[in-house]
Amino acid sequence: MIAHTDRDDSQKVMNAIRRIVRALRISSRAVERELGLSGAQLFVLQKLKQSSALSVKELAERTLTHQSSVSVVVSRLVERGLADRRLSPTDGRQVELTLTAEGLALLGKAPRTAQESLVEAISGLPAAQRALLGQLLSEVVSRAGLSSEPPALFFESEGEKS
């Protein structure tokens, strides 16, 4: 039997996770309904807007995710004409990603995403708390047997098409 305070602490954690997942799901659905994009696609477009051109590596760093996850999302954005891929004028081996005029126009109508709010909230924590939170969440993921799952952008799977 779980002690009352242990149960309360566990419930507090689960409620926080539920609130985060719910906010991300609602935000993503609203973006899909309003703009025809996934929340992940909008998040990537918003990060692209912050710079004139970015490599996939730089974009992955800004979205705090893996390059392969960003690459999948970027491919969908390029297919839709919202982003463009071109060789870097300074390094012909490197690909640069930019927003198209259509992508920029779409961003003008876009709502703020829950992902942005979450990243800002985490970034606003003191470094020691951020490190501890990362450590504790990694431990929870490992104990739950979820550590083999790829850390894709929220609500964007490799098999989905938008």
C-alpha atoms as a PDB file:
ATOM      1  CA  MET A   1       0.000   0.000   0.000  1.00  0.00           C
ATOM      2  CA  ILE A   2       1.249   3.471  -0.886  1.00  0.00           C
ATOM      3  CA  ALA A   3       1.558   5.927   1.997  1.00  0.00           C
ATOM      4  CA  HIS A   4      -0.716   8.963   1.806  1.00  0.00           C
ATOM      5  CA  THR A   5       2.092  11.499   1.233  1.00  0.00           C
ATOM      6  CA  ASP A   6       3.728   9.251  -1.381  1.00  0.00           C
ATOM      7  CA  ARG A   7       0.384   8.973  -3.187  1.00  0.00           C
ATOM      8  CA  ASP A   8      -0.114  12.751  -2.983  1.00  0.00           C
ATOM      9  CA  ASP A   9       3.379  13.364  -4.396  1.00  0.00           C
ATOM     10  CA  SER A  10       2.831  10.841  -7.188  1.00  0.00           C
ATOM     11  CA  GLN A  11      -0.551  12.379  -7.979  1.00  0.00           C
ATOM     12  CA  LYS A  12       1.019  15.847  -8.099  1.00  0.00           C
ATOM     13  CA  VAL A  13       3.579  14.603 -10.635  1.00  0.00           C
ATOM     14  CA  MET A  14       0.952  12.810 -12.736  1.00  0.00           C
ATOM     15  CA  ASN A  15      -1.317  15.869 -12.694  1.00  0.00           C
ATOM     16  CA  ALA A  16       1.535  18.070 -13.914  1.00  0.00           C
ATOM     17  CA  ILE A  17       2.315  15.618 -16.737  1.00  0.00           C
ATOM     18  CA  ARG A  18      -1.399  15.434 -17.633  1.00  0.00           C
ATOM     19  CA  ARG A  19      -1.634  19.227 -17.800  1.00  0.00           C
ATOM     20  CA  ILE A  20       1.421  19.448 -20.045  1.00  0.00           C
ATOM     21  CA  VAL A  21       0.251  16.687 -22.397  1.00  0.00           C
ATOM     22  CA  ARG A  22      -3.265  18.158 -22.533  1.00  0.00           C
ATOM     23  CA  ALA A  23      -1.974  21.650 -23.331  1.00  0.00           C
ATOM     24  CA  LEU A  24       0.300  20.268 -26.054  1.00  0.00           C
ATOM     25  CA  ARG A  25      -2.525  18.189 -27.552  1.00  0.00           C
ATOM     26  CA  ILE A  26      -5.021  21.084 -27.507  1.00  0.00           C
ATOM     27  CA  SER A  27      -2.450  23.461 -28.982  1.00  0.00           C
ATOM     28  CA  SER A  28      -1.533  20.994 -31.719  1.00  0.00           C
ATOM     29  CA  ARG A  29      -5.184  20.331 -32.620  1.00  0.00           C
ATOM     30  CA  ALA A  30      -5.923  24.058 -32.783  1.00  0.00           C
ATOM     31  CA  VAL A  31      -2.983  24.609 -35.124  1.00  0.00           C
ATOM     32  CA  GLU A  32      -4.094  21.692 -37.314  1.00  0.00           C
ATOM     33  CA  ARG A  33      -7.626  23.065 -37.470  1.00  0.00           C
ATOM     34  CA  GLU A  34      -6.644  26.708 -38.080  1.00  0.00           C
ATOM     35  CA  LEU A  35      -3.586  26.314 -40.305  1.00  0.00           C
ATOM     36  CA  GLY A  36      -3.530  22.727 -41.557  1.00  0.00           C
ATOM     37  CA  LEU A  37      -0.141  22.111 -39.902  1.00  0.00           C
ATOM     38  CA  SER A  38       0.938  19.947 -37.014  1.00  0.00           C
ATOM     39  CA  GLY A  39       2.079  21.696 -33.847  1.00  0.00           C
ATOM     40  CA  ALA A  40       5.588  20.407 -34.582  1.00  0.00           C
ATOM     41  CA  GLN A  41       5.548  21.959 -38.057  1.00  0.00           C
ATOM     42  CA  LEU A  42       4.468  25.323 -36.680  1.00  0.00           C
ATOM     43  CA  PHE A  43       7.125  25.145 -33.965  1.00  0.00           C
ATOM     44  CA  VAL A  44       9.817  24.509 -36.598  1.00  0.00           C
ATOM     45  CA  LEU A  45       8.529  27.385 -38.763  1.00  0.00           C
ATOM     46  CA  GLN A  46       8.639  29.696 -35.744  1.00  0.00           C
ATOM     47  CA  LYS A  47      12.262  28.755 -35.098  1.00  0.00           C
ATOM     48  CA  LEU A  48      13.121  29.265 -38.780  1.00  0.00           C
ATOM     49  CA  LYS A  49      11.659  32.770 -38.593  1.00  0.00           C
ATOM     50  CA  GLN A  50      14.206  33.713 -35.909  1.00  0.00           C
ATOM     51  CA  SER A  51      17.090  33.543 -38.372  1.00  0.00           C
ATOM     52  CA  SER A  52      17.644  34.288 -42.049  1.00  0.00           C
ATOM     53  CA  ALA A  53      18.917  30.738 -42.695  1.00  0.00           C
ATOM     54  CA  LEU A  54      19.646  27.702 -40.544  1.00  0.00           C
ATOM     55  CA  SER A  55      21.215  24.297 -41.036  1.00  0.00           C
ATOM     56  CA  VAL A  56      19.292  21.206 -39.892  1.00  0.00           C
ATOM     57  CA  LYS A  57      21.778  20.919 -37.024  1.00  0.00           C
ATOM     58  CA  GLU A  58      21.124  24.510 -35.911  1.00  0.00           C
ATOM     59  CA  LEU A  59      17.375  24.015 -36.242  1.00  0.00           C
ATOM     60  CA  ALA A  60      17.572  20.826 -34.153  1.00  0.00           C
ATOM     61  CA  GLU A  61      19.443  22.780 -31.467  1.00  0.00           C
ATOM     62  CA  ARG A  62      16.804  25.524 -31.467  1.00  0.00           C
ATOM     63  CA  THR A  63      13.926  23.044 -31.249  1.00  0.00           C
ATOM     64  CA  LEU A  64      15.783  21.037 -28.606  1.00  0.00           C
ATOM     65  CA  THR A  65      15.373  17.799 -30.539  1.00  0.00           C
ATOM     66  CA  HIS A  66      17.293  15.374 -32.733  1.00  0.00           C
ATOM     67  CA  GLN A  67      18.333  16.232 -36.306  1.00  0.00           C
ATOM     68  CA  SER A  68      16.422  13.267 -37.746  1.00  0.00           C
ATOM     69  CA  SER A  69      13.154  14.468 -36.165  1.00  0.00           C
ATOM     70  CA  VAL A  70      13.656  17.987 -37.481  1.00  0.00           C
ATOM     71  CA  SER A  71      14.576  16.666 -40.917  1.00  0.00           C
ATOM     72  CA  VAL A  72      11.243  14.795 -41.212  1.00  0.00           C
ATOM     73  CA  VAL A  73       9.294  17.924 -40.284  1.00  0.00           C
ATOM     74  CA  VAL A  74      11.365  20.141 -42.605  1.00  0.00           C
ATOM     75  CA  SER A  75      10.713  17.769 -45.513  1.00  0.00           C
ATOM     76  CA  ARG A  76       6.969  18.202 -45.002  1.00  0.00           C
ATOM     77  CA  LEU A  77       7.326  21.977 -44.811  1.00  0.00           C
ATOM     78  CA  VAL A  78       9.383  22.035 -48.027  1.00  0.00           C
ATOM     79  CA  GLU A  79       6.783  19.832 -49.777  1.00  0.00           C
ATOM     80  CA  ARG A  80       4.083  22.336 -48.799  1.00  0.00           C
ATOM     81  CA  GLY A  81       6.118  25.319 -50.016  1.00  0.00           C
ATOM     82  CA  LEU A  82       6.443  26.841 -46.524  1.00  0.00           C
ATOM     83  CA  ALA A  83      10.210  26.362 -46.250  1.00  0.00           C
ATOM     84  CA  ASP A  84      13.028  26.123 -48.743  1.00  0.00           C
ATOM     85  CA  ARG A  85      16.215  24.058 -48.803  1.00  0.00           C
ATOM     86  CA  ARG A  86      19.253  25.379 -50.665  1.00  0.00           C
ATOM     87  CA  LEU A  87      22.987  24.966 -50.680  1.00  0.00           C
ATOM     88  CA  SER A  88      24.820  27.436 -48.507  1.00  0.00           C
ATOM     89  CA  PRO A  89      26.471  30.209 -50.517  1.00  0.00           C
ATOM     90  CA  THR A  90      29.446  30.105 -48.113  1.00  0.00           C
ATOM     91  CA  ASP A  91      29.778  26.304 -47.831  1.00  0.00           C
ATOM     92  CA  GLY A  92      28.481  24.302 -50.781  1.00  0.00           C
ATOM     93  CA  ARG A  93      28.474  21.123 -48.693  1.00  0.00           C
ATOM     94  CA  GLN A  94      25.940  22.516 -46.235  1.00  0.00           C
ATOM     95  CA  VAL A  95      22.189  22.879 -46.760  1.00  0.00           C
ATOM     96  CA  GLU A  96      20.432  25.985 -45.474  1.00  0.00           C
ATOM     97  CA  LEU A  97      16.786  26.168 -44.531  1.00  0.00           C
ATOM     98  CA  THR A  98      14.773  29.333 -44.979  1.00  0.00           C
ATOM     99  CA  LEU A  99      11.159  30.406 -44.770  1.00  0.00           C
ATOM    100  CA  THR A 100       9.313  31.056 -47.998  1.00  0.00           C
ATOM    101  CA  ALA A 101       6.998  34.043 -48.419  1.00  0.00           C
ATOM    102  CA  GLU A 102       4.079  31.633 -47.961  1.00  0.00           C
ATOM    103  CA  GLY A 103       5.595  30.311 -44.727  1.00  0.00           C
ATOM    104  CA  LEU A 104       6.113  33.829 -43.421  1.00  0.00           C
ATOM    105  CA  ALA A 105       2.526  34.795 -44.297  1.00  0.00           C
ATOM    106  CA  LEU A 106       1.194  31.710 -42.526  1.00  0.00           C
ATOM    107  CA  LEU A 107       3.175  32.598 -39.400  1.00  0.00           C
ATOM    108  CA  GLY A 108       1.400  35.953 -39.348  1.00  0.00           C
ATOM    109  CA  LYS A 109      -1.851  34.069 -38.654  1.00  0.00           C
ATOM    110  CA  ALA A 110      -0.360  31.521 -36.273  1.00  0.00           C
ATOM    111  CA  PRO A 111      -1.191  31.263 -32.579  1.00  0.00           C
ATOM    112  CA  ARG A 112       1.463  30.870 -29.899  1.00  0.00           C
ATOM    113  CA  THR A 113       2.186  27.180 -29.363  1.00  0.00           C
ATOM    114  CA  ALA A 114       2.228  25.321 -26.068  1.00  0.00           C
ATOM    115  CA  GLN A 115       5.691  24.079 -27.061  1.00  0.00           C
ATOM    116  CA  GLU A 116       7.002  27.646 -27.070  1.00  0.00           C
ATOM    117  CA  SER A 117       5.518  28.285 -23.624  1.00  0.00           C
ATOM    118  CA  LEU A 118       6.972  25.057 -22.288  1.00  0.00           C
ATOM    119  CA  VAL A 119      10.454  25.731 -23.677  1.00  0.00           C
ATOM    120  CA  GLU A 120      10.399  29.256 -22.210  1.00  0.00           C
ATOM    121  CA  ALA A 121       9.249  27.960 -18.825  1.00  0.00           C
ATOM    122  CA  ILE A 122      11.991  25.321 -18.731  1.00  0.00           C
ATOM    123  CA  SER A 123      14.622  27.800 -19.956  1.00  0.00           C
ATOM    124  CA  GLY A 124      13.535  30.202 -17.210  1.00  0.00           C
ATOM    125  CA  LEU A 125      14.354  27.726 -14.464  1.00  0.00           C
ATOM    126  CA  PRO A 126      17.671  28.123 -12.674  1.00  0.00           C
ATOM    127  CA  ALA A 127      20.344  25.887 -14.211  1.00  0.00           C
ATOM    128  CA  ALA A 128      20.470  23.533 -11.219  1.00  0.00           C
ATOM    129  CA  GLN A 129      16.695  23.013 -11.298  1.00  0.00           C
ATOM    130  CA  ARG A 130      16.753  22.446 -15.077  1.00  0.00           C
ATOM    131  CA  ALA A 131      19.481  19.849 -14.660  1.00  0.00           C
ATOM    132  CA  LEU A 132      17.622  18.114 -11.827  1.00  0.00           C
ATOM    133  CA  LEU A 133      14.348  18.130 -13.784  1.00  0.00           C
ATOM    134  CA  GLY A 134      16.078  16.592 -16.793  1.00  0.00           C
ATOM    135  CA  GLN A 135      17.728  13.971 -14.624  1.00  0.00           C
ATOM    136  CA  LEU A 136      14.481  13.058 -12.837  1.00  0.00           C
ATOM    137  CA  LEU A 137      12.389  12.911 -16.004  1.00  0.00           C
ATOM    138  CA  SER A 138      15.038  10.752 -17.687  1.00  0.00           C
ATOM    139  CA  GLU A 139      14.878   8.386 -14.709  1.00  0.00           C
ATOM    140  CA  VAL A 140      11.056   8.227 -14.921  1.00  0.00           C
ATOM    141  CA  VAL A 141      11.256   7.492 -18.668  1.00  0.00           C
ATOM    142  CA  SER A 142      13.816   4.755 -18.048  1.00  0.00           C
ATOM    143  CA  ARG A 143      11.841   3.135 -15.198  1.00  0.00           C
ATOM    144  CA  ALA A 144       8.666   3.230 -17.307  1.00  0.00           C
ATOM    145  CA  GLY A 145      10.495   1.371 -20.072  1.00  0.00           C
ATOM    146  CA  LEU A 146      10.152   4.270 -22.520  1.00  0.00           C
ATOM    147  CA  SER A 147      13.821   5.085 -23.060  1.00  0.00           C
ATOM    148  CA  SER A 148      13.935   3.224 -26.371  1.00  0.00           C
ATOM    149  CA  GLU A 149      11.250   5.501 -27.830  1.00  0.00           C
ATOM    150  CA  PRO A 150      12.688   8.118 -30.199  1.00  0.00           C
ATOM    151  CA  PRO A 151      12.353  11.663 -28.834  1.00  0.00           C
ATOM    152  CA  ALA A 152      10.444  13.103 -31.799  1.00  0.00           C
ATOM    153  CA  LEU A 153       8.846  16.529 -31.797  1.00  0.00           C
ATOM    154  CA  PHE A 154       5.481  16.559 -30.020  1.00  0.00           C
ATOM    155  CA  PHE A 155       2.629  14.954 -31.989  1.00  0.00           C
ATOM    156  CA  GLU A 156       4.716  14.446 -35.105  1.00  0.00           C
ATOM    157  CA  SER A 157       5.431  10.840 -35.996  1.00  0.00           C
ATOM    158  CA  GLU A 158       7.455   9.631 -38.933  1.00  0.00           C
ATOM    159  CA  GLY A 159       4.399   7.897 -40.446  1.00  0.00           C
ATOM    160  CA  GLU A 160       2.018  10.870 -40.327  1.00  0.00           C
ATOM    161  CA  LYS A 161       1.351  13.068 -43.298  1.00  0.00           C
ATOM    162  CA  SER A 162      -0.059  16.548 -42.977  1.00  0.00           C
END
